[in-house]
């Protein structure tokens, strides 16, 4: 059964999902856009909770968390460090998708003794040039441009499916509950505002990522699982392939017929992949007792 909690980090209210009462701890970090812990990790939280204690925080101004003035990977890393301290975590498995992947990777590089295993899912922070980066930079710097886009995404279910086609491989395969959830978040006042500010901070005018850990991947000193959609239009699968070559103890799983959101495009396959990795690298006594 999934519960909820609130952590206080530097005066901010950080909401999180919580599940599982036994086994090692696993923390799941969601991505940007209109994402939140429930949207990306709904199925994964429930699957892992049978063998692990699971935490999935909402980033500032996502889900039910307070906003922060200057969203960036550096800001989120500081907030995550405060979250870890606030809820009293020691050692844990750490998994991040997209924007959350860059936070997870940066945190792991700085705190290798805290992270037992790392999961990077269609992760930001693995390469320099972002496909469509100049356009993302331009839209984030034109007043109202992104707000209009998010408003259109939330205007109807048809518009939501059309918008998701820019992110996922085949929106027709998405379950209706997920489409409705995206529509609900996109239709809310201020939708995408935090992500627009994040883009201004993270994407340069020539479309390059300000956060790029590619040259430090050889320093990653924990077992690492890389999962990536072959058709990811935001961050190319080539990023993950290069990372798998550079991270000493890593394994790469590329999902065919998948875009940027494998946790919701192929939830059962993703959960089985992650659970298999964690059982090997962060074994749980709960399963042994069954």
C-alpha atoms as a PDB file:
ATOM      1  CA  UNK A   1       0.000   0.000   0.000  1.00  0.00           C
ATOM      2  CA  UNK A   2       1.314   3.435  -0.961  1.00  0.00           C
ATOM      3  CA  UNK A   3       1.411   6.295   1.508  1.00  0.00           C
ATOM      4  CA  UNK A   4       2.520   9.903   1.421  1.00  0.00           C
ATOM      5  CA  UNK A   5       4.840  12.079   3.439  1.00  0.00           C
ATOM      6  CA  UNK A   6       6.263  15.582   3.602  1.00  0.00           C
ATOM      7  CA  UNK A   7       9.927  16.454   4.117  1.00  0.00           C
ATOM      8  CA  UNK A   8      11.123  19.934   5.055  1.00  0.00           C
ATOM      9  CA  UNK A   9      14.176  21.043   3.091  1.00  0.00           C
ATOM     10  CA  UNK A  10      15.506  24.584   3.565  1.00  0.00           C
ATOM     11  CA  UNK A  11      12.011  25.807   4.355  1.00  0.00           C
ATOM     12  CA  UNK A  12      10.453  24.011   1.360  1.00  0.00           C
ATOM     13  CA  UNK A  13       7.688  21.471   1.674  1.00  0.00           C
ATOM     14  CA  UNK A  14       8.782  18.432  -0.385  1.00  0.00           C
ATOM     15  CA  UNK A  15       6.048  15.859  -0.876  1.00  0.00           C
ATOM     16  CA  UNK A  16       6.920  12.212  -1.474  1.00  0.00           C
ATOM     17  CA  UNK A  17       5.306   8.859  -2.082  1.00  0.00           C
ATOM     18  CA  UNK A  18       6.259   6.064   0.287  1.00  0.00           C
ATOM     19  CA  UNK A  19       5.681   2.325  -0.009  1.00  0.00           C
ATOM     20  CA  UNK A  20       7.020  -0.903   1.444  1.00  0.00           C
ATOM     21  CA  UNK A  21       7.955  -1.639   5.041  1.00  0.00           C
ATOM     22  CA  UNK A  22      10.764  -4.188   4.680  1.00  0.00           C
ATOM     23  CA  UNK A  23      13.949  -4.641   2.702  1.00  0.00           C
ATOM     24  CA  UNK A  24      16.606  -2.205   1.473  1.00  0.00           C
ATOM     25  CA  UNK A  25      15.660   1.313   0.437  1.00  0.00           C
ATOM     26  CA  UNK A  26      15.221   2.448  -3.160  1.00  0.00           C
ATOM     27  CA  UNK A  27      14.659   6.097  -4.145  1.00  0.00           C
ATOM     28  CA  UNK A  28      12.989   7.030  -7.438  1.00  0.00           C
ATOM     29  CA  UNK A  29      13.489  10.478  -9.005  1.00  0.00           C
ATOM     30  CA  UNK A  30      11.051  11.679 -11.674  1.00  0.00           C
ATOM     31  CA  UNK A  31      11.693  13.914 -14.686  1.00  0.00           C
ATOM     32  CA  UNK A  32      10.600  17.332 -15.912  1.00  0.00           C
ATOM     33  CA  UNK A  33       7.776  18.749 -18.025  1.00  0.00           C
ATOM     34  CA  UNK A  34       4.468  17.904 -16.356  1.00  0.00           C
ATOM     35  CA  UNK A  35       5.906  14.877 -14.589  1.00  0.00           C
ATOM     36  CA  UNK A  36       5.781  13.984 -10.898  1.00  0.00           C
ATOM     37  CA  UNK A  37       6.479  10.962  -8.721  1.00  0.00           C
ATOM     38  CA  UNK A  38       3.097   9.378  -9.336  1.00  0.00           C
ATOM     39  CA  UNK A  39       3.090   9.979 -13.079  1.00  0.00           C
ATOM     40  CA  UNK A  40       6.420   8.308 -13.890  1.00  0.00           C
ATOM     41  CA  UNK A  41       6.631   5.806 -11.052  1.00  0.00           C
ATOM     42  CA  UNK A  42       3.050   4.719 -10.304  1.00  0.00           C
ATOM     43  CA  UNK A  43       3.555   1.098 -11.349  1.00  0.00           C
ATOM     44  CA  UNK A  44       7.202   0.895 -10.294  1.00  0.00           C
ATOM     45  CA  UNK A  45       6.545   2.020  -6.727  1.00  0.00           C
ATOM     46  CA  UNK A  46       3.955  -0.707  -6.244  1.00  0.00           C
ATOM     47  CA  UNK A  47       6.126  -3.387  -7.850  1.00  0.00           C
ATOM     48  CA  UNK A  48       9.242  -2.601  -5.827  1.00  0.00           C
ATOM     49  CA  UNK A  49       7.321  -2.221  -2.566  1.00  0.00           C
ATOM     50  CA  UNK A  50       6.844  -5.987  -2.361  1.00  0.00           C
ATOM     51  CA  UNK A  51      10.569  -6.365  -1.619  1.00  0.00           C
ATOM     52  CA  UNK A  52      11.921  -2.867  -0.911  1.00  0.00           C
ATOM     53  CA  UNK A  53      11.200   0.304   0.995  1.00  0.00           C
ATOM     54  CA  UNK A  54      10.491   2.900  -1.685  1.00  0.00           C
ATOM     55  CA  UNK A  55      10.642   6.701  -1.629  1.00  0.00           C
ATOM     56  CA  UNK A  56       9.630   8.848  -4.603  1.00  0.00           C
ATOM     57  CA  UNK A  57       9.786  12.626  -3.989  1.00  0.00           C
ATOM     58  CA  UNK A  58       8.142  15.339  -6.068  1.00  0.00           C
ATOM     59  CA  UNK A  59      10.584  18.001  -7.241  1.00  0.00           C
ATOM     60  CA  UNK A  60       9.769  21.614  -6.260  1.00  0.00           C
ATOM     61  CA  UNK A  61       6.624  22.892  -8.012  1.00  0.00           C
ATOM     62  CA  UNK A  62       5.816  19.373  -9.202  1.00  0.00           C
ATOM     63  CA  UNK A  63       3.084  17.290  -7.615  1.00  0.00           C
ATOM     64  CA  UNK A  64       2.424  18.668  -4.146  1.00  0.00           C
ATOM     65  CA  UNK A  65       5.854  20.208  -3.464  1.00  0.00           C
ATOM     66  CA  UNK A  66       6.581  23.910  -2.945  1.00  0.00           C
ATOM     67  CA  UNK A  67       8.257  25.922  -5.731  1.00  0.00           C
ATOM     68  CA  UNK A  68      11.904  26.931  -5.731  1.00  0.00           C
ATOM     69  CA  UNK A  69      13.294  30.152  -7.177  1.00  0.00           C
ATOM     70  CA  UNK A  70      16.047  28.826  -9.431  1.00  0.00           C
ATOM     71  CA  UNK A  71      15.431  25.289 -10.776  1.00  0.00           C
ATOM     72  CA  UNK A  72      18.514  23.565 -12.181  1.00  0.00           C
ATOM     73  CA  UNK A  73      20.318  20.261 -11.736  1.00  0.00           C
ATOM     74  CA  UNK A  74      22.578  21.851  -9.120  1.00  0.00           C
ATOM     75  CA  UNK A  75      19.551  23.177  -7.233  1.00  0.00           C
ATOM     76  CA  UNK A  76      17.803  19.815  -7.340  1.00  0.00           C
ATOM     77  CA  UNK A  77      20.930  18.010  -6.169  1.00  0.00           C
ATOM     78  CA  UNK A  78      21.069  20.261  -3.111  1.00  0.00           C
ATOM     79  CA  UNK A  79      17.379  19.689  -2.456  1.00  0.00           C
ATOM     80  CA  UNK A  80      17.818  15.939  -2.806  1.00  0.00           C
ATOM     81  CA  UNK A  81      20.699  15.975  -0.332  1.00  0.00           C
ATOM     82  CA  UNK A  82      18.397  17.789   2.089  1.00  0.00           C
ATOM     83  CA  UNK A  83      15.618  15.285   1.411  1.00  0.00           C
ATOM     84  CA  UNK A  84      17.921  12.358   2.177  1.00  0.00           C
ATOM     85  CA  UNK A  85      18.870  13.956   5.474  1.00  0.00           C
ATOM     86  CA  UNK A  86      15.298  14.960   6.314  1.00  0.00           C
ATOM     87  CA  UNK A  87      13.812  11.482   5.965  1.00  0.00           C
ATOM     88  CA  UNK A  88      16.860   9.802   7.539  1.00  0.00           C
ATOM     89  CA  UNK A  89      18.175   7.712   4.670  1.00  0.00           C
ATOM     90  CA  UNK A  90      21.582   6.059   4.865  1.00  0.00           C
ATOM     91  CA  UNK A  91      22.358   3.654   2.010  1.00  0.00           C
ATOM     92  CA  UNK A  92      19.933   3.150  -0.859  1.00  0.00           C
ATOM     93  CA  UNK A  93      19.457   2.261  -4.483  1.00  0.00           C
ATOM     94  CA  UNK A  94      18.894   5.367  -6.589  1.00  0.00           C
ATOM     95  CA  UNK A  95      16.983   5.489  -9.874  1.00  0.00           C
ATOM     96  CA  UNK A  96      16.238   8.583 -11.951  1.00  0.00           C
ATOM     97  CA  UNK A  97      14.430   9.192 -15.204  1.00  0.00           C
ATOM     98  CA  UNK A  98      15.302  12.053 -17.593  1.00  0.00           C
ATOM     99  CA  UNK A  99      15.988  15.170 -15.486  1.00  0.00           C
ATOM    100  CA  UNK A 100      15.914  12.976 -12.380  1.00  0.00           C
ATOM    101  CA  UNK A 101      18.613  10.797 -13.904  1.00  0.00           C
ATOM    102  CA  UNK A 102      21.039  13.717 -14.029  1.00  0.00           C
ATOM    103  CA  UNK A 103      20.309  14.472 -10.373  1.00  0.00           C
ATOM    104  CA  UNK A 104      20.834  10.821  -9.455  1.00  0.00           C
ATOM    105  CA  UNK A 105      24.109  10.655 -11.377  1.00  0.00           C
ATOM    106  CA  UNK A 106      25.448  13.895  -9.915  1.00  0.00           C
ATOM    107  CA  UNK A 107      24.495  12.828  -6.400  1.00  0.00           C
ATOM    108  CA  UNK A 108      26.159   9.444  -6.865  1.00  0.00           C
ATOM    109  CA  UNK A 109      29.396  11.008  -8.075  1.00  0.00           C
ATOM    110  CA  UNK A 110      29.461  13.178  -4.951  1.00  0.00           C
ATOM    111  CA  UNK A 111      28.186  10.527  -2.502  1.00  0.00           C
ATOM    112  CA  UNK A 112      29.287   7.075  -3.704  1.00  0.00           C
ATOM    113  CA  UNK A 113      29.168   5.638  -0.186  1.00  0.00           C
ATOM    114  CA  UNK A 114      25.437   6.350   0.056  1.00  0.00           C
ATOM    115  CA  UNK A 115      24.348   4.769  -3.228  1.00  0.00           C
ATOM    116  CA  UNK A 116      24.324   0.975  -3.415  1.00  0.00           C
ATOM    117  CA  UNK A 117      23.227   0.834  -7.059  1.00  0.00           C
ATOM    118  CA  UNK A 118      22.294   3.412  -9.683  1.00  0.00           C
ATOM    119  CA  UNK A 119      19.609   3.356 -12.362  1.00  0.00           C
ATOM    120  CA  UNK A 120      19.588   5.874 -15.232  1.00  0.00           C
ATOM    121  CA  UNK A 121      16.447   5.872 -17.373  1.00  0.00           C
ATOM    122  CA  UNK A 122      16.559   7.935 -20.597  1.00  0.00           C
ATOM    123  CA  UNK A 123      18.787  10.173 -18.555  1.00  0.00           C
ATOM    124  CA  UNK A 124      19.733  13.790 -19.041  1.00  0.00           C
ATOM    125  CA  UNK A 125      23.366  14.650 -18.229  1.00  0.00           C
ATOM    126  CA  UNK A 126      25.003  11.997 -20.416  1.00  0.00           C
ATOM    127  CA  UNK A 127      25.776  14.145 -23.449  1.00  0.00           C
ATOM    128  CA  UNK A 128      26.396  17.632 -24.732  1.00  0.00           C
ATOM    129  CA  UNK A 129      24.170  18.527 -27.668  1.00  0.00           C
ATOM    130  CA  UNK A 130      20.427  18.213 -27.009  1.00  0.00           C
ATOM    131  CA  UNK A 131      18.326  17.396 -30.098  1.00  0.00           C
ATOM    132  CA  UNK A 132      16.050  20.375 -30.638  1.00  0.00           C
ATOM    133  CA  UNK A 133      18.026  22.284 -28.022  1.00  0.00           C
ATOM    134  CA  UNK A 134      18.051  25.661 -29.819  1.00  0.00           C
ATOM    135  CA  UNK A 135      14.267  25.511 -30.138  1.00  0.00           C
ATOM    136  CA  UNK A 136      13.880  24.565 -26.480  1.00  0.00           C
ATOM    137  CA  UNK A 137      16.093  27.499 -25.515  1.00  0.00           C
ATOM    138  CA  UNK A 138      14.121  29.894 -27.733  1.00  0.00           C
ATOM    139  CA  UNK A 139      10.721  28.769 -26.444  1.00  0.00           C
ATOM    140  CA  UNK A 140      11.832  29.020 -22.823  1.00  0.00           C
ATOM    141  CA  UNK A 141      12.936  32.610 -23.410  1.00  0.00           C
ATOM    142  CA  UNK A 142       9.838  33.851 -25.258  1.00  0.00           C
ATOM    143  CA  UNK A 143       7.316  35.057 -22.662  1.00  0.00           C
ATOM    144  CA  UNK A 144       4.191  32.901 -22.684  1.00  0.00           C
ATOM    145  CA  UNK A 145       5.346  30.522 -25.428  1.00  0.00           C
ATOM    146  CA  UNK A 146       5.715  27.434 -23.260  1.00  0.00           C
ATOM    147  CA  UNK A 147       2.643  28.312 -21.194  1.00  0.00           C
ATOM    148  CA  UNK A 148       0.582  28.292 -24.376  1.00  0.00           C
ATOM    149  CA  UNK A 149       2.003  24.915 -25.329  1.00  0.00           C
ATOM    150  CA  UNK A 150       1.179  23.351 -21.974  1.00  0.00           C
ATOM    151  CA  UNK A 151      -2.306  24.864 -22.081  1.00  0.00           C
ATOM    152  CA  UNK A 152      -2.908  23.313 -25.486  1.00  0.00           C
ATOM    153  CA  UNK A 153      -1.633  19.946 -24.233  1.00  0.00           C
ATOM    154  CA  UNK A 154      -4.237  20.015 -21.492  1.00  0.00           C
ATOM    155  CA  UNK A 155      -7.108  21.321 -23.618  1.00  0.00           C
ATOM    156  CA  UNK A 156      -8.478  17.893 -24.549  1.00  0.00           C
ATOM    157  CA  UNK A 157      -7.616  14.210 -24.500  1.00  0.00           C
ATOM    158  CA  UNK A 158      -6.956  14.334 -28.250  1.00  0.00           C
ATOM    159  CA  UNK A 159      -4.537  17.228 -27.779  1.00  0.00           C
ATOM    160  CA  UNK A 160      -2.773  15.317 -25.011  1.00  0.00           C
ATOM    161  CA  UNK A 161      -2.282  12.262 -27.223  1.00  0.00           C
ATOM    162  CA  UNK A 162      -0.990  14.500 -30.020  1.00  0.00           C
ATOM    163  CA  UNK A 163       1.442  16.191 -27.654  1.00  0.00           C
ATOM    164  CA  UNK A 164       2.680  12.897 -26.224  1.00  0.00           C
ATOM    165  CA  UNK A 165       3.596  11.825 -29.755  1.00  0.00           C
ATOM    166  CA  UNK A 166       6.538  14.238 -29.413  1.00  0.00           C
ATOM    167  CA  UNK A 167       7.844  12.240 -26.447  1.00  0.00           C
ATOM    168  CA  UNK A 168       6.767   8.603 -26.723  1.00  0.00           C
ATOM    169  CA  UNK A 169       7.140   6.122 -29.581  1.00  0.00           C
ATOM    170  CA  UNK A 170       3.463   5.288 -30.099  1.00  0.00           C
ATOM    171  CA  UNK A 171       0.875   7.168 -28.035  1.00  0.00           C
ATOM    172  CA  UNK A 172      -1.883   4.791 -29.156  1.00  0.00           C
ATOM    173  CA  UNK A 173      -0.382   2.101 -26.911  1.00  0.00           C
ATOM    174  CA  UNK A 174      -0.567   4.208 -23.740  1.00  0.00           C
ATOM    175  CA  UNK A 175      -3.155   3.254 -21.177  1.00  0.00           C
ATOM    176  CA  UNK A 176      -6.045   5.691 -20.830  1.00  0.00           C
ATOM    177  CA  UNK A 177      -5.342   6.392 -17.151  1.00  0.00           C
ATOM    178  CA  UNK A 178      -1.878   7.696 -18.032  1.00  0.00           C
ATOM    179  CA  UNK A 179      -3.222   9.928 -20.813  1.00  0.00           C
ATOM    180  CA  UNK A 180      -5.853  11.305 -18.449  1.00  0.00           C
ATOM    181  CA  UNK A 181      -3.214  11.961 -15.795  1.00  0.00           C
ATOM    182  CA  UNK A 182      -1.022  13.890 -18.243  1.00  0.00           C
ATOM    183  CA  UNK A 183      -4.070  15.849 -19.404  1.00  0.00           C
ATOM    184  CA  UNK A 184      -4.962  16.712 -15.819  1.00  0.00           C
ATOM    185  CA  UNK A 185      -1.497  18.000 -14.983  1.00  0.00           C
ATOM    186  CA  UNK A 186      -1.134  19.965 -18.222  1.00  0.00           C
ATOM    187  CA  UNK A 187      -4.480  21.695 -17.657  1.00  0.00           C
ATOM    188  CA  UNK A 188      -3.537  23.000 -14.217  1.00  0.00           C
ATOM    189  CA  UNK A 189      -2.650  26.628 -13.701  1.00  0.00           C
ATOM    190  CA  UNK A 190       1.104  27.152 -13.995  1.00  0.00           C
ATOM    191  CA  UNK A 191       1.724  23.805 -15.670  1.00  0.00           C
ATOM    192  CA  UNK A 192       5.243  23.555 -17.010  1.00  0.00           C
ATOM    193  CA  UNK A 193       6.367  26.768 -15.305  1.00  0.00           C
ATOM    194  CA  UNK A 194       9.134  25.095 -13.308  1.00  0.00           C
ATOM    195  CA  UNK A 195      10.328  23.219 -16.384  1.00  0.00           C
ATOM    196  CA  UNK A 196      10.460  26.400 -18.470  1.00  0.00           C
ATOM    197  CA  UNK A 197      12.715  28.001 -15.861  1.00  0.00           C
ATOM    198  CA  UNK A 198      14.772  24.801 -15.767  1.00  0.00           C
ATOM    199  CA  UNK A 199      15.261  24.941 -19.551  1.00  0.00           C
ATOM    200  CA  UNK A 200      16.437  28.545 -19.340  1.00  0.00           C
ATOM    201  CA  UNK A 201      19.041  27.485 -16.793  1.00  0.00           C
ATOM    202  CA  UNK A 202      20.114  24.234 -18.453  1.00  0.00           C
ATOM    203  CA  UNK A 203      20.054  24.796 -22.238  1.00  0.00           C
ATOM    204  CA  UNK A 204      22.466  27.190 -23.953  1.00  0.00           C
ATOM    205  CA  UNK A 205      21.479  29.308 -26.990  1.00  0.00           C
ATOM    206  CA  UNK A 206      23.279  26.861 -29.300  1.00  0.00           C
ATOM    207  CA  UNK A 207      21.352  23.925 -27.847  1.00  0.00           C
ATOM    208  CA  UNK A 208      23.924  22.404 -25.551  1.00  0.00           C
ATOM    209  CA  UNK A 209      23.346  21.003 -22.086  1.00  0.00           C
ATOM    210  CA  UNK A 210      24.939  22.903 -19.216  1.00  0.00           C
ATOM    211  CA  UNK A 211      24.891  19.673 -17.181  1.00  0.00           C
ATOM    212  CA  UNK A 212      27.023  17.028 -18.866  1.00  0.00           C
ATOM    213  CA  UNK A 213      28.715  14.293 -16.835  1.00  0.00           C
ATOM    214  CA  UNK A 214      30.069  12.419 -19.876  1.00  0.00           C
ATOM    215  CA  UNK A 215      33.694  13.118 -18.943  1.00  0.00           C
ATOM    216  CA  UNK A 216      33.144  11.859 -15.379  1.00  0.00           C
ATOM    217  CA  UNK A 217      31.398   8.579 -16.132  1.00  0.00           C
ATOM    218  CA  UNK A 218      34.575   6.623 -15.468  1.00  0.00           C
ATOM    219  CA  UNK A 219      34.359   7.838 -11.857  1.00  0.00           C
ATOM    220  CA  UNK A 220      31.013   6.121 -11.215  1.00  0.00           C
ATOM    221  CA  UNK A 221      31.910   3.524  -8.616  1.00  0.00           C
ATOM    222  CA  UNK A 222      28.594   1.728  -8.112  1.00  0.00           C
ATOM    223  CA  UNK A 223      26.730  -0.909 -10.167  1.00  0.00           C
ATOM    224  CA  UNK A 224      24.717   0.959 -12.790  1.00  0.00           C
ATOM    225  CA  UNK A 225      21.732   0.018 -14.935  1.00  0.00           C
ATOM    226  CA  UNK A 226      21.051   2.121 -18.020  1.00  0.00           C
ATOM    227  CA  UNK A 227      17.610   1.802 -19.614  1.00  0.00           C
ATOM    228  CA  UNK A 228      16.854   3.797 -22.749  1.00  0.00           C
ATOM    229  CA  UNK A 229      14.169   3.925 -25.410  1.00  0.00           C
ATOM    230  CA  UNK A 230      15.609   3.355 -28.864  1.00  0.00           C
ATOM    231  CA  UNK A 231      13.336   6.055 -30.306  1.00  0.00           C
ATOM    232  CA  UNK A 232      13.821   8.638 -27.557  1.00  0.00           C
ATOM    233  CA  UNK A 233      13.445  12.006 -29.370  1.00  0.00           C
ATOM    234  CA  UNK A 234      14.791  14.066 -26.458  1.00  0.00           C
ATOM    235  CA  UNK A 235      18.013  12.322 -25.428  1.00  0.00           C
ATOM    236  CA  UNK A 236      19.446   9.865 -27.977  1.00  0.00           C
ATOM    237  CA  UNK A 237      20.099   6.225 -27.129  1.00  0.00           C
ATOM    238  CA  UNK A 238      23.695   6.872 -28.239  1.00  0.00           C
ATOM    239  CA  UNK A 239      24.161   8.750 -24.955  1.00  0.00           C
ATOM    240  CA  UNK A 240      23.318   5.621 -22.968  1.00  0.00           C
ATOM    241  CA  UNK A 241      25.488   3.399 -25.165  1.00  0.00           C
ATOM    242  CA  UNK A 242      28.480   5.658 -24.618  1.00  0.00           C
ATOM    243  CA  UNK A 243      27.774   5.782 -20.882  1.00  0.00           C
ATOM    244  CA  UNK A 244      27.658   1.996 -20.731  1.00  0.00           C
ATOM    245  CA  UNK A 245      31.132   1.892 -22.293  1.00  0.00           C
ATOM    246  CA  UNK A 246      32.537   4.387 -19.796  1.00  0.00           C
ATOM    247  CA  UNK A 247      30.916   3.330 -16.508  1.00  0.00           C
ATOM    248  CA  UNK A 248      33.070   0.452 -15.180  1.00  0.00           C
ATOM    249  CA  UNK A 249      30.294  -1.744 -13.704  1.00  0.00           C
ATOM    250  CA  UNK A 250      27.276  -1.132 -15.928  1.00  0.00           C
ATOM    251  CA  UNK A 251      24.666  -2.880 -17.982  1.00  0.00           C
ATOM    252  CA  UNK A 252      22.578  -1.386 -20.776  1.00  0.00           C
ATOM    253  CA  UNK A 253      19.041  -2.339 -21.794  1.00  0.00           C
ATOM    254  CA  UNK A 254      17.611  -0.592 -24.859  1.00  0.00           C
ATOM    255  CA  UNK A 255      13.861  -0.889 -25.353  1.00  0.00           C
ATOM    256  CA  UNK A 256      12.731  -1.194 -28.956  1.00  0.00           C
ATOM    257  CA  UNK A 257       9.499   0.589 -29.933  1.00  0.00           C
ATOM    258  CA  UNK A 258       9.991   2.990 -27.027  1.00  0.00           C
ATOM    259  CA  UNK A 259      10.530   6.718 -26.701  1.00  0.00           C
ATOM    260  CA  UNK A 260      11.397   8.805 -23.674  1.00  0.00           C
ATOM    261  CA  UNK A 261       9.026   7.287 -21.107  1.00  0.00           C
ATOM    262  CA  UNK A 262       9.722   3.526 -20.747  1.00  0.00           C
ATOM    263  CA  UNK A 263       8.214   3.442 -17.250  1.00  0.00           C
ATOM    264  CA  UNK A 264       4.814   4.149 -18.816  1.00  0.00           C
ATOM    265  CA  UNK A 265       5.289   2.981 -22.408  1.00  0.00           C
ATOM    266  CA  UNK A 266       6.365  -0.516 -21.292  1.00  0.00           C
ATOM    267  CA  UNK A 267       5.661  -0.589 -17.527  1.00  0.00           C
ATOM    268  CA  UNK A 268       5.732  -4.356 -17.022  1.00  0.00           C
ATOM    269  CA  UNK A 269       8.940  -4.823 -19.003  1.00  0.00           C
ATOM    270  CA  UNK A 270      10.574  -1.868 -17.277  1.00  0.00           C
ATOM    271  CA  UNK A 271       9.628  -3.005 -13.785  1.00  0.00           C
ATOM    272  CA  UNK A 272      10.881  -6.540 -14.483  1.00  0.00           C
ATOM    273  CA  UNK A 273      14.184  -5.141 -15.787  1.00  0.00           C
ATOM    274  CA  UNK A 274      14.712  -2.866 -12.787  1.00  0.00           C
ATOM    275  CA  UNK A 275      13.613  -5.466 -10.260  1.00  0.00           C
ATOM    276  CA  UNK A 276      15.985  -8.048 -11.735  1.00  0.00           C
ATOM    277  CA  UNK A 277      18.868  -5.588 -11.490  1.00  0.00           C
ATOM    278  CA  UNK A 278      18.053  -4.639  -7.904  1.00  0.00           C
ATOM    279  CA  UNK A 279      17.639  -8.263  -6.805  1.00  0.00           C
ATOM    280  CA  UNK A 280      21.171  -8.934  -8.007  1.00  0.00           C
ATOM    281  CA  UNK A 281      22.821  -5.719  -6.828  1.00  0.00           C
ATOM    282  CA  UNK A 282      20.717  -4.759  -3.784  1.00  0.00           C
ATOM    283  CA  UNK A 283      19.306  -8.121  -2.670  1.00  0.00           C
ATOM    284  CA  UNK A 284      16.363  -8.149  -0.327  1.00  0.00           C
ATOM    285  CA  UNK A 285      15.835 -10.716   2.445  1.00  0.00           C
ATOM    286  CA  UNK A 286      12.095 -10.295   1.941  1.00  0.00           C
ATOM    287  CA  UNK A 287      12.213 -12.373  -1.246  1.00  0.00           C
ATOM    288  CA  UNK A 288      14.389 -15.019   0.420  1.00  0.00           C
ATOM    289  CA  UNK A 289      11.742 -15.478   3.128  1.00  0.00           C
ATOM    290  CA  UNK A 290       8.963 -16.175   0.626  1.00  0.00           C
END
